[in-house]
């Protein structure tokens, strides 16, 4: 179940989110930083994706290539890379 970051209304998303898409409850942009899984107000540029360009207005629609709607099953574009990196690091320190 996905919820809007602004009004907490339930979102019924089928497919990808376009730049023009808005929340049916509050009419706020869906393809914005606040709706992204990488949004983190405590991270540098408020984004956990280090390769993303800086977006000043986090509440307006943008063209970020790293956007992943938070809470979607497809979220985790880099999750396999993270898992592989952790396994490789653990393998370095395993005793044989």
N, C-alpha and C. Protein backbone atom coordinates (compact mmCIF):
# COMPACT_ATOMS: atom_id res chain seq x y z
N UNK A 1 0.84 -1.18 0.00
CA UNK A 1 0.00 0.00 0.00
C UNK A 1 0.89 1.24 0.00
N UNK A 2 0.65 2.13 -0.94
CA UNK A 2 1.41 3.36 -1.05
C UNK A 2 0.61 4.53 -0.52
N UNK A 3 1.28 5.43 0.16
CA UNK A 3 0.61 6.61 0.68
C UNK A 3 1.33 7.85 0.18
N UNK A 4 0.58 8.90 -0.04
CA UNK A 4 1.11 10.19 -0.46
C UNK A 4 1.95 10.77 0.69
N UNK A 5 3.10 11.33 0.37
CA UNK A 5 3.97 11.93 1.38
C UNK A 5 3.39 13.22 1.95
N UNK A 6 2.45 13.83 1.26
CA UNK A 6 1.88 15.10 1.69
C UNK A 6 0.60 14.94 2.50
N UNK A 7 -0.35 14.14 2.00
CA UNK A 7 -1.65 14.02 2.67
C UNK A 7 -1.87 12.64 3.29
N UNK A 8 -0.96 11.71 3.04
CA UNK A 8 -1.04 10.33 3.53
C UNK A 8 -2.21 9.56 2.92
N UNK A 9 -2.79 10.08 1.84
CA UNK A 9 -3.86 9.38 1.14
C UNK A 9 -3.34 8.14 0.43
N UNK A 10 -4.15 7.13 0.32
CA UNK A 10 -3.76 5.87 -0.33
C UNK A 10 -3.67 6.09 -1.84
N UNK A 11 -2.55 5.66 -2.44
CA UNK A 11 -2.32 5.79 -3.88
C UNK A 11 -2.47 4.43 -4.54
N UNK A 12 -3.24 4.38 -5.58
CA UNK A 12 -3.39 3.15 -6.36
C UNK A 12 -2.61 3.36 -7.66
N UNK A 13 -1.35 2.93 -7.65
CA UNK A 13 -0.45 3.15 -8.77
C UNK A 13 -0.34 1.88 -9.60
N UNK A 14 -0.56 2.00 -10.89
CA UNK A 14 -0.34 0.89 -11.82
C UNK A 14 0.64 1.39 -12.87
N UNK A 15 1.81 0.80 -12.90
CA UNK A 15 2.83 1.23 -13.84
C UNK A 15 3.72 2.30 -13.23
N UNK A 16 4.40 3.04 -14.09
CA UNK A 16 5.34 4.05 -13.63
C UNK A 16 4.64 5.38 -13.38
N UNK A 17 5.31 6.25 -12.67
CA UNK A 17 4.77 7.57 -12.34
C UNK A 17 5.39 8.59 -13.29
N UNK A 18 4.54 9.33 -13.99
CA UNK A 18 5.00 10.35 -14.92
C UNK A 18 5.15 11.70 -14.24
N UNK A 19 5.81 12.62 -14.92
CA UNK A 19 6.06 13.95 -14.37
C UNK A 19 4.75 14.72 -14.15
N UNK A 20 3.73 14.44 -14.92
CA UNK A 20 2.46 15.15 -14.82
C UNK A 20 1.50 14.54 -13.79
N UNK A 21 1.83 13.36 -13.26
CA UNK A 21 0.93 12.66 -12.34
C UNK A 21 0.85 13.37 -10.99
N UNK A 22 -0.38 13.42 -10.45
CA UNK A 22 -0.60 14.05 -9.15
C UNK A 22 -1.41 13.13 -8.25
N UNK A 23 -1.38 13.44 -6.97
CA UNK A 23 -2.15 12.68 -5.99
C UNK A 23 -3.64 12.96 -6.22
N UNK A 24 -4.48 11.93 -6.26
CA UNK A 24 -5.91 12.16 -6.47
C UNK A 24 -6.59 12.83 -5.27
N UNK A 25 -5.92 12.84 -4.11
CA UNK A 25 -6.52 13.40 -2.90
C UNK A 25 -6.15 14.86 -2.68
N UNK A 26 -4.85 15.20 -2.84
CA UNK A 26 -4.40 16.56 -2.55
C UNK A 26 -3.88 17.30 -3.77
N UNK A 27 -3.80 16.62 -4.92
CA UNK A 27 -3.37 17.21 -6.19
C UNK A 27 -1.92 17.67 -6.18
N UNK A 28 -1.09 17.10 -5.31
CA UNK A 28 0.35 17.43 -5.28
C UNK A 28 1.08 16.50 -6.24
N UNK A 29 2.25 16.92 -6.71
CA UNK A 29 3.05 16.14 -7.65
C UNK A 29 3.49 14.82 -7.03
N UNK A 30 3.40 13.73 -7.83
CA UNK A 30 3.86 12.42 -7.36
C UNK A 30 5.33 12.19 -7.68
N UNK A 31 5.79 12.72 -8.82
CA UNK A 31 7.18 12.50 -9.21
C UNK A 31 8.05 13.65 -8.69
N UNK A 32 8.19 13.68 -7.37
CA UNK A 32 9.00 14.70 -6.72
C UNK A 32 9.86 14.02 -5.65
N UNK A 33 10.83 14.74 -5.15
CA UNK A 33 11.76 14.17 -4.18
C UNK A 33 11.06 13.64 -2.92
N UNK A 34 10.07 14.36 -2.44
CA UNK A 34 9.38 13.95 -1.22
C UNK A 34 8.69 12.60 -1.37
N UNK A 35 8.36 12.20 -2.61
CA UNK A 35 7.68 10.93 -2.86
C UNK A 35 8.68 9.82 -3.20
N UNK A 36 9.97 10.13 -3.26
CA UNK A 36 11.00 9.18 -3.71
C UNK A 36 11.57 8.39 -2.54
N UNK A 37 11.93 7.15 -2.80
CA UNK A 37 12.51 6.29 -1.75
C UNK A 37 13.88 6.78 -1.32
N UNK A 38 14.57 7.56 -2.15
CA UNK A 38 15.90 8.06 -1.80
C UNK A 38 15.86 9.36 -1.00
N UNK A 39 14.68 9.96 -0.84
CA UNK A 39 14.57 11.22 -0.10
C UNK A 39 14.90 10.99 1.36
N UNK A 40 15.80 11.80 1.88
CA UNK A 40 16.19 11.72 3.28
C UNK A 40 16.58 13.13 3.73
N UNK A 41 15.78 13.77 4.57
CA UNK A 41 16.08 15.13 4.97
C UNK A 41 17.40 15.29 5.72
N UNK A 42 17.98 14.18 6.18
CA UNK A 42 19.23 14.24 6.94
C UNK A 42 20.45 13.93 6.08
N UNK A 43 20.25 13.56 4.83
CA UNK A 43 21.36 13.23 3.93
C UNK A 43 21.83 14.48 3.18
N UNK A 44 23.03 14.39 2.61
CA UNK A 44 23.55 15.48 1.79
C UNK A 44 22.61 15.73 0.63
N UNK A 45 22.24 16.98 0.39
CA UNK A 45 21.26 17.36 -0.63
C UNK A 45 19.90 16.70 -0.41
N UNK A 46 19.68 16.17 0.77
CA UNK A 46 18.43 15.50 1.14
C UNK A 46 18.13 14.29 0.25
N UNK A 47 19.19 13.63 -0.25
CA UNK A 47 19.03 12.48 -1.13
C UNK A 47 20.08 11.43 -0.81
N UNK A 48 19.67 10.17 -0.66
CA UNK A 48 20.61 9.08 -0.39
C UNK A 48 21.28 8.55 -1.65
N UNK A 49 20.80 8.96 -2.83
CA UNK A 49 21.43 8.56 -4.09
C UNK A 49 22.54 9.57 -4.37
N UNK A 50 23.79 9.14 -4.20
CA UNK A 50 24.92 10.06 -4.29
C UNK A 50 25.17 10.58 -5.71
N UNK A 51 24.69 9.88 -6.72
CA UNK A 51 24.92 10.29 -8.10
C UNK A 51 23.86 11.25 -8.63
N UNK A 52 22.81 11.47 -7.88
CA UNK A 52 21.71 12.32 -8.33
C UNK A 52 22.12 13.79 -8.32
N UNK A 53 21.62 14.54 -9.28
CA UNK A 53 21.86 15.97 -9.32
C UNK A 53 21.04 16.64 -8.22
N UNK A 54 21.50 17.80 -7.78
CA UNK A 54 20.80 18.52 -6.72
C UNK A 54 19.49 19.08 -7.25
N UNK A 55 18.43 18.84 -6.49
CA UNK A 55 17.10 19.39 -6.79
C UNK A 55 16.77 20.35 -5.64
N UNK A 56 16.51 21.60 -5.96
CA UNK A 56 16.26 22.59 -4.92
C UNK A 56 14.87 22.44 -4.32
N UNK A 57 13.84 22.40 -5.16
CA UNK A 57 12.46 22.30 -4.67
C UNK A 57 12.06 20.83 -4.60
N UNK A 58 12.06 20.28 -3.43
CA UNK A 58 11.79 18.85 -3.21
C UNK A 58 10.31 18.48 -3.33
N UNK A 59 9.44 19.48 -3.42
CA UNK A 59 8.01 19.22 -3.46
C UNK A 59 7.39 19.41 -4.84
N UNK A 60 8.20 19.72 -5.84
CA UNK A 60 7.71 19.92 -7.21
C UNK A 60 8.22 18.81 -8.12
N UNK A 61 7.48 18.53 -9.18
CA UNK A 61 7.86 17.49 -10.13
C UNK A 61 9.22 17.82 -10.74
N UNK A 62 10.01 16.79 -11.03
CA UNK A 62 11.33 16.98 -11.62
C UNK A 62 11.67 15.83 -12.55
N UNK A 63 12.84 15.90 -13.16
CA UNK A 63 13.27 14.90 -14.14
C UNK A 63 14.39 14.00 -13.61
N UNK A 64 14.48 13.81 -12.33
CA UNK A 64 15.56 13.01 -11.74
C UNK A 64 15.54 11.58 -12.32
N UNK A 65 16.70 11.13 -12.78
CA UNK A 65 16.83 9.79 -13.36
C UNK A 65 16.76 8.69 -12.30
N UNK A 66 16.96 9.04 -11.04
CA UNK A 66 17.01 8.03 -9.98
C UNK A 66 15.70 7.89 -9.22
N UNK A 67 14.65 8.58 -9.67
CA UNK A 67 13.38 8.55 -8.95
C UNK A 67 12.81 7.14 -8.90
N UNK A 68 12.46 6.72 -7.68
CA UNK A 68 11.75 5.46 -7.44
C UNK A 68 10.68 5.78 -6.40
N UNK A 69 9.44 5.57 -6.75
CA UNK A 69 8.35 5.86 -5.83
C UNK A 69 8.54 5.04 -4.56
N UNK A 70 8.56 5.71 -3.44
CA UNK A 70 8.84 4.99 -2.18
C UNK A 70 7.72 4.00 -1.89
N UNK A 71 8.12 2.84 -1.41
CA UNK A 71 7.15 1.81 -1.08
C UNK A 71 6.81 0.86 -2.21
N UNK A 72 7.28 1.12 -3.44
CA UNK A 72 6.97 0.21 -4.54
C UNK A 72 7.89 -0.99 -4.48
N UNK A 73 7.41 -2.11 -5.01
CA UNK A 73 8.23 -3.32 -5.03
C UNK A 73 9.44 -3.14 -5.93
N UNK A 74 9.33 -2.31 -6.94
CA UNK A 74 10.45 -2.02 -7.84
C UNK A 74 11.48 -1.12 -7.21
N UNK A 75 11.16 -0.59 -6.06
CA UNK A 75 12.10 0.29 -5.37
C UNK A 75 13.34 -0.51 -5.03
N UNK A 76 14.47 0.07 -5.25
CA UNK A 76 15.70 -0.62 -4.95
C UNK A 76 16.48 -0.87 -6.20
N UNK A 77 16.52 0.11 -7.03
CA UNK A 77 17.26 0.02 -8.28
C UNK A 77 18.68 -0.48 -8.04
N UNK A 78 19.27 -0.08 -6.93
CA UNK A 78 20.63 -0.49 -6.62
C UNK A 78 20.69 -1.53 -5.53
N UNK A 79 19.56 -2.12 -5.12
CA UNK A 79 19.55 -3.04 -3.99
C UNK A 79 20.40 -4.28 -4.25
N UNK A 80 20.42 -4.78 -5.48
CA UNK A 80 21.26 -5.94 -5.78
C UNK A 80 22.73 -5.58 -5.66
N UNK A 81 23.10 -4.39 -6.09
CA UNK A 81 24.49 -3.95 -5.97
C UNK A 81 24.89 -3.85 -4.51
N UNK A 82 24.00 -3.33 -3.69
CA UNK A 82 24.29 -3.20 -2.26
C UNK A 82 24.47 -4.58 -1.64
N UNK A 83 23.58 -5.49 -1.98
CA UNK A 83 23.66 -6.85 -1.45
C UNK A 83 24.97 -7.53 -1.88
N UNK A 84 25.32 -7.39 -3.17
CA UNK A 84 26.55 -7.98 -3.67
C UNK A 84 27.78 -7.37 -3.00
N UNK A 85 27.76 -6.07 -2.78
CA UNK A 85 28.88 -5.40 -2.13
C UNK A 85 29.05 -5.88 -0.69
N UNK A 86 27.94 -6.03 0.03
CA UNK A 86 28.01 -6.53 1.41
C UNK A 86 28.56 -7.94 1.45
N UNK A 87 28.11 -8.79 0.52
CA UNK A 87 28.59 -10.17 0.48
C UNK A 87 30.09 -10.21 0.17
N UNK A 88 30.54 -9.36 -0.75
CA UNK A 88 31.96 -9.32 -1.09
C UNK A 88 32.78 -8.85 0.10
N UNK A 89 32.28 -7.87 0.84
CA UNK A 89 32.99 -7.37 2.00
C UNK A 89 33.07 -8.43 3.10
N UNK A 90 31.97 -9.13 3.32
CA UNK A 90 31.96 -10.19 4.31
C UNK A 90 32.92 -11.31 3.93
N UNK A 91 33.01 -11.60 2.63
CA UNK A 91 33.91 -12.65 2.15
C UNK A 91 35.37 -12.30 2.43
N UNK A 92 35.70 -11.02 2.43
CA UNK A 92 37.08 -10.61 2.71
C UNK A 92 37.51 -10.94 4.12
N UNK A 93 36.58 -10.90 5.05
CA UNK A 93 36.92 -11.08 6.45
C UNK A 93 36.57 -12.46 7.01
N UNK A 94 36.08 -13.36 6.18
CA UNK A 94 35.77 -14.72 6.63
C UNK A 94 37.07 -15.49 6.84
N UNK A 95 37.10 -16.23 7.93
CA UNK A 95 38.25 -17.11 8.19
C UNK A 95 38.01 -18.43 7.51
N UNK A 96 39.05 -18.96 6.93
CA UNK A 96 38.93 -20.24 6.24
C UNK A 96 39.52 -21.35 7.04
